[in-house]
Amino acid sequence: MKASSSFLNVTFVLTLFIDKLVGAETHLEDRKSLIEENRIAIKHLLHGRSYLNPGGIFDIDPDDVKFSYYNTNSKDSGIVFDKNNFTTALEPHWNRELPVKILTHGWRSSEYSDAVAHIREEYLNTTNLNIVTVDWSRVASNIIYPIAAVQTFQVGVQIGEMIDGMIAKRMMTLDKIHIIGHSLGAHVAGAAGSNCKTGKVYRVTGLDPAMPCFEGIQSATTRLDSTDAEFVDVIHTAAGTAGYYSSIGHADFYPNGGTPPQPGCFDAPLDFQATFACSHFRAHEFYSQSITNQEKFKAYRSESYYAYNRGEYNQSDYTYMGHHTPSSARGVYYLNARM
């Protein structure tokens, strides 16, 4: 009981801290120092993953992770399936030759949230794919954010088991699997990739991976990082607030510098919480737009956003942010993007 009560005290403090972080008035140049304060404050409280989940009391129920299948013939109503018994439900509809996109959401969201629905719809309106959505809303709905953050790894384990099972049935191959996650879902996507026992999936995309309880605290084994897939790309839009600041993929993109306020997110100058949230959502909005608008998201490798805006980059050293990012992309890229 002592460990449990200590953990609850920690989560209460962290939840207040995160709420203060999201609502604080913070100048862009102070973001790095804010991250360092966050790291020091929380690391003094947390000493590893075993403390975060004392005695396994925050283990999830596998049934709380739901899977649905979509293709061009079932754009609006997915086929729900069990990760341990999927053959009967999926075989009449599944196309083994097509790429597989696995989409998942973040904190206090679901498979019906914009972060998943818009990307799914954009894909199926333009091309035929096997799309699997992962709904872990029963876990993500926990208003105590640190508990949901701890449980992302376990959600990823469930997805990894689903992938292994479908590979065993020859319904998909590693080189055709792309996992996409927003916010906490980015860490879920990373955990899914790292827990695929068959081998490394082709690609994991993190859309503004969540910062609180991860940056400077969690080891690479329990958060999104470049070892989670053959290619990991990350889009940062609320870096230093809701989103991860550091580059953690093979290719990291910082549209408009990667920090709030993103374009269109400063309509209420005194509502900083709304500004940060809006900027956090821009990552999945940019990604969904990139599916049909490659040229809009041309990005250049540069030393910094300041250097990029001064034209200090090689005009031939570019790639594309979002759907069209090639697996050969490496480094940190900047661009100015609008909705």
Protein backbone atom coordinates (compact mmCIF):
# COMPACT_ATOMS: atom_id res chain seq x y z
CA MET A 1 0.00 0.00 0.00
CA LYS A 2 2.93 2.34 0.68
CA ALA A 3 4.15 2.07 -2.92
CA SER A 4 0.63 2.59 -4.22
CA SER A 5 -0.02 5.70 -2.12
CA SER A 6 3.38 7.12 -3.06
CA PHE A 7 2.61 6.59 -6.71
CA LEU A 8 -0.75 8.31 -6.40
CA ASN A 9 0.92 11.29 -4.73
CA VAL A 10 3.41 11.42 -7.59
CA THR A 11 0.70 11.23 -10.25
CA PHE A 12 -1.24 14.03 -8.56
CA VAL A 13 1.83 16.27 -8.57
CA LEU A 14 2.60 15.38 -12.17
CA THR A 15 -0.94 16.01 -13.35
CA LEU A 16 -0.86 19.46 -11.75
CA PHE A 17 2.55 20.09 -13.28
CA ILE A 18 1.38 19.12 -16.76
CA ASP A 19 -1.72 21.28 -16.42
CA LYS A 20 0.48 24.19 -15.39
CA LEU A 21 2.82 23.46 -18.28
CA VAL A 22 0.04 23.52 -20.83
CA GLY A 23 -1.49 26.65 -19.38
CA ALA A 24 1.68 28.60 -18.67
CA GLU A 25 2.73 31.77 -20.49
CA THR A 26 6.06 30.75 -21.95
CA HIS A 27 8.26 32.54 -24.46
CA LEU A 28 9.62 30.40 -27.27
CA GLU A 29 13.23 30.99 -26.22
CA ASP A 30 12.47 29.60 -22.76
CA ARG A 31 11.32 26.18 -24.02
CA LYS A 32 14.68 24.43 -23.51
CA SER A 33 15.00 25.63 -19.92
CA LEU A 34 11.38 24.59 -19.29
CA ILE A 35 12.17 21.07 -20.51
CA GLU A 36 15.19 20.92 -18.20
CA GLU A 37 13.09 22.04 -15.23
CA ASN A 38 10.51 19.40 -16.16
CA ARG A 39 13.18 16.72 -16.36
CA ILE A 40 14.81 17.58 -13.03
CA ALA A 41 11.52 17.97 -11.14
CA ILE A 42 10.04 14.70 -12.30
CA LYS A 43 13.22 12.62 -12.27
CA HIS A 44 13.60 13.37 -8.57
CA LEU A 45 10.22 11.70 -8.11
CA LEU A 46 10.50 8.80 -10.53
CA HIS A 47 13.28 6.24 -10.47
CA GLY A 48 12.52 3.85 -13.26
CA ARG A 49 9.63 2.03 -14.79
CA SER A 50 9.25 -0.47 -11.93
CA TYR A 51 8.39 2.46 -9.63
CA LEU A 52 5.90 3.77 -12.13
CA ASN A 53 4.03 0.47 -12.01
CA PRO A 54 4.57 -0.96 -8.52
CA GLY A 55 3.56 -4.60 -8.36
CA GLY A 56 1.96 -4.35 -11.78
CA ILE A 57 -1.10 -2.60 -10.33
CA PHE A 58 -1.46 -0.54 -13.49
CA ASP A 59 -1.33 -3.43 -15.95
CA ILE A 60 -3.97 -3.06 -18.63
CA ASP A 61 -6.70 -5.49 -19.61
CA PRO A 62 -5.83 -6.74 -23.13
CA ASP A 63 -9.53 -6.45 -23.98
CA ASP A 64 -9.20 -2.68 -23.58
CA VAL A 65 -7.25 -2.54 -26.85
CA LYS A 66 -9.62 -2.79 -29.83
CA PHE A 67 -8.71 -3.40 -33.47
CA SER A 68 -10.75 -2.45 -36.54
CA TYR A 69 -10.04 -3.02 -40.23
CA TYR A 70 -10.82 -0.60 -43.06
CA ASN A 71 -10.34 -0.63 -46.82
CA THR A 72 -11.91 1.14 -49.80
CA ASN A 73 -14.94 -1.13 -49.53
CA SER A 74 -15.45 -0.35 -45.85
CA LYS A 75 -14.36 3.27 -45.48
CA ASP A 76 -16.80 4.30 -42.79
CA SER A 77 -17.55 1.17 -40.79
CA GLY A 78 -14.58 -0.88 -39.72
CA ILE A 79 -14.56 -4.63 -39.23
CA VAL A 80 -13.79 -5.27 -35.56
CA PHE A 81 -11.46 -8.19 -34.97
CA ASP A 82 -9.68 -10.00 -32.16
CA LYS A 83 -5.89 -10.09 -32.31
CA ASN A 84 -5.95 -13.75 -31.34
CA ASN A 85 -8.79 -14.85 -33.63
CA PHE A 86 -8.92 -12.73 -36.77
CA THR A 87 -8.86 -15.11 -39.71
CA THR A 88 -12.62 -15.60 -40.12
CA ALA A 89 -13.40 -11.90 -39.80
CA LEU A 90 -10.65 -10.59 -42.06
CA GLU A 91 -9.81 -13.13 -44.75
CA PRO A 92 -12.78 -12.27 -47.03
CA HIS A 93 -11.69 -8.61 -47.06
CA TRP A 94 -7.94 -8.49 -46.48
CA ASN A 95 -5.60 -8.03 -49.45
CA ARG A 96 -2.22 -9.57 -48.68
CA GLU A 97 -0.55 -7.66 -51.50
CA LEU A 98 -1.37 -4.19 -50.17
CA PRO A 99 0.62 -2.08 -47.68
CA VAL A 100 -0.63 -1.93 -44.10
CA LYS A 101 -1.18 1.30 -42.16
CA ILE A 102 -1.75 0.93 -38.41
CA LEU A 103 -3.17 4.13 -36.87
CA THR A 104 -3.53 5.04 -33.22
CA HIS A 105 -4.57 8.01 -31.09
CA GLY A 106 -3.35 9.83 -28.00
CA TRP A 107 -4.54 10.76 -24.52
CA ARG A 108 -8.30 11.16 -23.97
CA SER A 109 -9.00 10.28 -27.59
CA SER A 110 -10.22 7.29 -29.57
CA GLU A 111 -10.08 5.76 -33.04
CA TYR A 112 -12.83 8.22 -34.01
CA SER A 113 -10.74 11.27 -33.12
CA ASP A 114 -9.40 13.47 -35.91
CA ALA A 115 -5.85 12.19 -35.42
CA VAL A 116 -6.96 8.78 -36.68
CA ALA A 117 -10.12 9.44 -38.68
CA HIS A 118 -8.72 12.16 -40.94
CA ILE A 119 -5.63 10.16 -41.89
CA ARG A 120 -7.70 7.03 -42.48
CA GLU A 121 -10.19 8.91 -44.65
CA GLU A 122 -7.50 10.69 -46.64
CA TYR A 123 -5.74 7.42 -47.40
CA LEU A 124 -8.87 5.55 -48.43
CA ASN A 125 -10.09 8.42 -50.60
CA THR A 126 -6.90 8.28 -52.64
CA THR A 127 -5.61 4.71 -52.64
CA ASN A 128 -6.44 1.18 -51.58
CA LEU A 129 -4.72 0.00 -48.43
CA ASN A 130 -5.16 -2.31 -45.51
CA ILE A 131 -5.81 0.04 -42.61
CA VAL A 132 -5.97 -1.12 -39.00
CA THR A 133 -7.07 1.34 -36.33
CA VAL A 134 -6.17 0.74 -32.71
CA ASP A 135 -8.58 2.04 -30.09
CA TRP A 136 -7.17 2.09 -26.56
CA SER A 137 -9.60 4.77 -25.35
CA ARG A 138 -10.50 2.83 -22.19
CA VAL A 139 -6.89 3.30 -21.12
CA ALA A 140 -6.33 6.74 -22.68
CA SER A 141 -9.45 8.19 -21.03
CA ASN A 142 -7.76 8.15 -17.60
CA ILE A 143 -7.73 11.79 -16.49
CA ILE A 144 -4.55 11.10 -14.49
CA TYR A 145 -2.17 11.59 -17.37
CA PRO A 146 0.92 9.84 -15.88
CA ILE A 147 -0.98 6.56 -15.52
CA ALA A 148 -2.03 6.65 -19.17
CA ALA A 149 1.58 7.50 -20.06
CA VAL A 150 2.90 4.48 -18.17
CA GLN A 151 0.42 2.20 -19.92
CA THR A 152 1.39 3.19 -23.48
CA PHE A 153 4.10 0.54 -23.49
CA GLN A 154 1.61 -2.20 -22.62
CA VAL A 155 -0.75 -1.02 -25.37
CA GLY A 156 2.17 -1.28 -27.77
CA VAL A 157 2.78 -4.85 -26.64
CA GLN A 158 -0.78 -5.76 -27.65
CA ILE A 159 -0.24 -4.27 -31.12
CA GLY A 160 3.06 -6.10 -31.46
CA GLU A 161 1.30 -9.37 -30.69
CA MET A 162 -1.35 -8.59 -33.31
CA ILE A 163 1.35 -7.95 -35.92
CA ASP A 164 3.21 -11.16 -35.05
CA GLY A 165 -0.01 -13.16 -35.28
CA MET A 166 -0.92 -11.76 -38.69
CA ILE A 167 2.59 -12.31 -40.03
CA ALA A 168 2.40 -15.92 -38.84
CA LYS A 169 -0.78 -16.30 -40.92
CA ARG A 170 0.99 -14.66 -43.89
CA MET A 171 -1.50 -11.79 -43.96
CA MET A 172 1.22 -9.14 -43.82
CA THR A 173 4.98 -8.82 -44.11
CA LEU A 174 7.33 -6.59 -42.16
CA ASP A 175 8.35 -4.55 -45.20
CA LYS A 176 4.76 -3.36 -45.75
CA ILE A 177 3.92 -2.28 -42.19
CA HIS A 178 3.72 1.42 -41.28
CA ILE A 179 2.57 2.40 -37.76
CA ILE A 180 1.41 6.00 -37.22
CA GLY A 181 0.61 7.50 -33.81
CA HIS A 182 -0.18 10.95 -32.42
CA SER A 183 0.90 12.30 -29.01
CA LEU A 184 0.90 9.40 -26.51
CA GLY A 185 -0.02 7.29 -29.53
CA ALA A 186 3.43 8.01 -30.97
CA HIS A 187 4.97 6.20 -28.00
CA VAL A 188 2.39 3.44 -28.43
CA ALA A 189 3.52 3.13 -32.06
CA GLY A 190 7.14 2.92 -30.97
CA ALA A 191 6.34 0.27 -28.37
CA ALA A 192 4.42 -1.70 -31.00
CA GLY A 193 7.43 -1.67 -33.29
CA SER A 194 9.90 -2.62 -30.58
CA ASN A 195 7.65 -5.45 -29.34
CA CYS A 196 7.23 -7.11 -32.73
CA LYS A 197 9.14 -10.34 -32.18
CA THR A 198 9.14 -11.34 -35.86
CA GLY A 199 11.51 -8.49 -36.71
CA LYS A 200 11.54 -4.77 -37.43
CA VAL A 201 8.56 -3.23 -39.17
CA TYR A 202 9.27 -0.98 -42.15
CA ARG A 203 8.26 2.37 -40.67
CA VAL A 204 6.98 4.14 -37.56
CA THR A 205 5.79 7.76 -37.73
CA GLY A 206 5.45 9.83 -34.56
CA LEU A 207 3.13 12.84 -34.81
CA ASP A 208 4.22 15.28 -32.11
CA PRO A 209 5.15 12.58 -29.57
CA ALA A 210 4.05 13.49 -26.05
CA MET A 211 6.74 15.17 -23.94
CA PRO A 212 5.42 15.07 -20.32
CA CYS A 213 6.61 11.94 -18.49
CA PHE A 214 8.86 10.97 -21.41
CA GLU A 215 11.49 13.52 -22.43
CA GLY A 216 14.57 13.24 -20.22
CA ILE A 217 12.85 10.62 -18.05
CA GLN A 218 11.95 7.46 -19.92
CA SER A 219 14.69 5.36 -21.47
CA ALA A 220 14.66 4.68 -25.20
CA THR A 221 13.18 1.24 -24.51
CA THR A 222 9.93 2.72 -23.18
CA ARG A 223 9.41 5.62 -25.60
CA LEU A 224 9.56 6.22 -29.32
CA ASP A 225 13.08 6.13 -30.73
CA SER A 226 14.95 5.30 -33.93
CA THR A 227 15.39 1.61 -33.06
CA ASP A 228 11.64 0.91 -33.19
CA ALA A 229 11.52 0.35 -36.97
CA GLU A 230 13.73 0.24 -40.02
CA PHE A 231 12.75 3.88 -40.48
CA VAL A 232 11.35 6.27 -37.87
CA ASP A 233 10.21 9.78 -38.81
CA VAL A 234 8.87 12.37 -36.40
CA ILE A 235 6.89 15.60 -36.88
CA HIS A 236 7.22 18.16 -34.06
CA THR A 237 4.60 20.91 -33.76
CA ALA A 238 4.28 21.68 -30.03
CA ALA A 239 7.87 20.98 -29.01
CA GLY A 240 8.69 21.86 -25.42
CA THR A 241 5.06 21.98 -24.28
CA ALA A 242 2.79 19.05 -25.11
CA GLY A 243 5.25 17.62 -27.62
CA TYR A 244 8.76 16.20 -27.60
CA TYR A 245 11.53 18.74 -28.23
CA SER A 246 14.52 16.50 -29.00
CA SER A 247 15.08 14.72 -32.29
CA ILE A 248 14.43 11.02 -31.71
CA GLY A 249 13.92 9.54 -35.18
CA HIS A 250 16.02 8.91 -38.24
CA ALA A 251 14.40 12.04 -39.67
CA ASP A 252 12.83 14.76 -37.52
CA PHE A 253 10.75 17.59 -38.97
CA TYR A 254 10.15 20.95 -37.29
CA PRO A 255 7.52 22.82 -39.34
CA ASN A 256 7.50 26.52 -38.44
CA GLY A 257 10.26 25.77 -35.96
CA GLY A 258 8.29 22.96 -34.35
CA THR A 259 7.02 25.10 -31.49
CA PRO A 260 3.75 26.87 -30.64
CA PRO A 261 2.03 28.84 -31.87
CA GLN A 262 1.63 27.01 -35.16
CA PRO A 263 -0.15 28.95 -37.95
CA GLY A 264 -3.80 29.54 -37.11
CA CYS A 265 -3.31 28.64 -33.44
CA PHE A 266 -3.01 32.10 -31.94
CA ASP A 267 -6.55 33.35 -32.38
CA ALA A 268 -6.96 33.82 -28.63
CA PRO A 269 -3.64 35.36 -27.46
CA LEU A 270 -4.37 34.86 -23.76
CA ASP A 271 -5.58 31.27 -24.06
CA PHE A 272 -2.23 29.52 -23.98
CA GLN A 273 -3.72 26.10 -23.26
CA ALA A 274 -5.77 26.28 -26.47
CA THR A 275 -2.75 27.56 -28.40
CA PHE A 276 -0.57 24.65 -27.29
CA ALA A 277 -3.32 22.08 -27.91
CA CYS A 278 -4.02 23.48 -31.39
CA SER A 279 -0.31 23.34 -32.20
CA HIS A 280 -0.13 19.77 -30.89
CA PHE A 281 -2.90 18.76 -33.30
CA ARG A 282 -1.19 20.40 -36.27
CA ALA A 283 1.13 17.39 -36.58
CA HIS A 284 -1.63 15.00 -37.63
CA GLU A 285 -3.29 17.70 -39.74
CA PHE A 286 -0.08 18.32 -41.66
CA TYR A 287 0.38 14.57 -42.12
CA SER A 288 -3.11 14.01 -43.51
CA GLN A 289 -2.64 16.91 -45.94
CA SER A 290 0.71 15.52 -47.07
CA ILE A 291 -0.92 12.39 -48.46
CA THR A 292 -2.25 14.30 -51.47
CA ASN A 293 0.02 17.35 -51.42
CA GLN A 294 3.65 16.30 -51.43
CA GLU A 295 5.20 19.56 -52.67
CA LYS A 296 3.53 21.61 -49.94
CA PHE A 297 5.74 19.91 -47.37
CA LYS A 298 9.21 20.14 -48.92
CA ALA A 299 11.68 20.43 -46.03
CA TYR A 300 15.36 21.34 -45.91
CA ARG A 301 18.15 20.11 -43.68
CA SER A 302 19.65 23.00 -41.73
CA GLU A 303 21.45 23.75 -38.47
CA SER A 304 18.42 25.47 -36.95
CA TYR A 305 15.12 27.09 -37.81
CA TYR A 306 16.83 30.45 -37.51
CA ALA A 307 19.47 29.37 -40.03
CA TYR A 308 16.78 27.95 -42.30
CA ASN A 309 14.88 31.24 -42.33
CA ARG A 310 18.12 33.05 -43.18
CA GLY A 311 18.54 30.79 -46.20
CA GLU A 312 21.50 28.94 -44.70
CA TYR A 313 20.90 25.55 -46.25
CA ASN A 314 21.72 23.62 -49.39
CA GLN A 315 18.77 23.89 -51.76
CA SER A 316 19.48 20.39 -53.06
CA ASP A 317 19.45 18.90 -49.55
CA TYR A 318 15.72 18.47 -49.11
CA THR A 319 13.12 15.81 -48.55
CA TYR A 320 9.36 15.72 -47.90
CA MET A 321 7.56 15.72 -44.58
CA GLY A 322 4.69 13.32 -43.98
CA HIS A 323 3.42 10.47 -46.09
CA HIS A 324 6.03 10.92 -48.82
CA THR A 325 9.10 10.96 -46.55
CA PRO A 326 11.58 8.49 -48.09
CA SER A 327 13.22 5.94 -45.82
CA SER A 328 16.61 7.32 -46.85
CA ALA A 329 15.96 10.66 -45.08
CA ARG A 330 18.33 11.38 -42.21
CA GLY A 331 18.74 14.33 -39.89
CA VAL A 332 16.75 17.39 -38.83
CA TYR A 333 14.61 19.24 -41.36
CA TYR A 334 12.81 22.57 -41.31
CA LEU A 335 10.04 24.10 -43.37
CA ASN A 336 7.38 26.78 -43.21
CA ALA A 337 3.99 25.12 -43.51
CA ARG A 338 0.47 26.48 -43.55
CA MET A 339 -2.93 24.85 -43.28
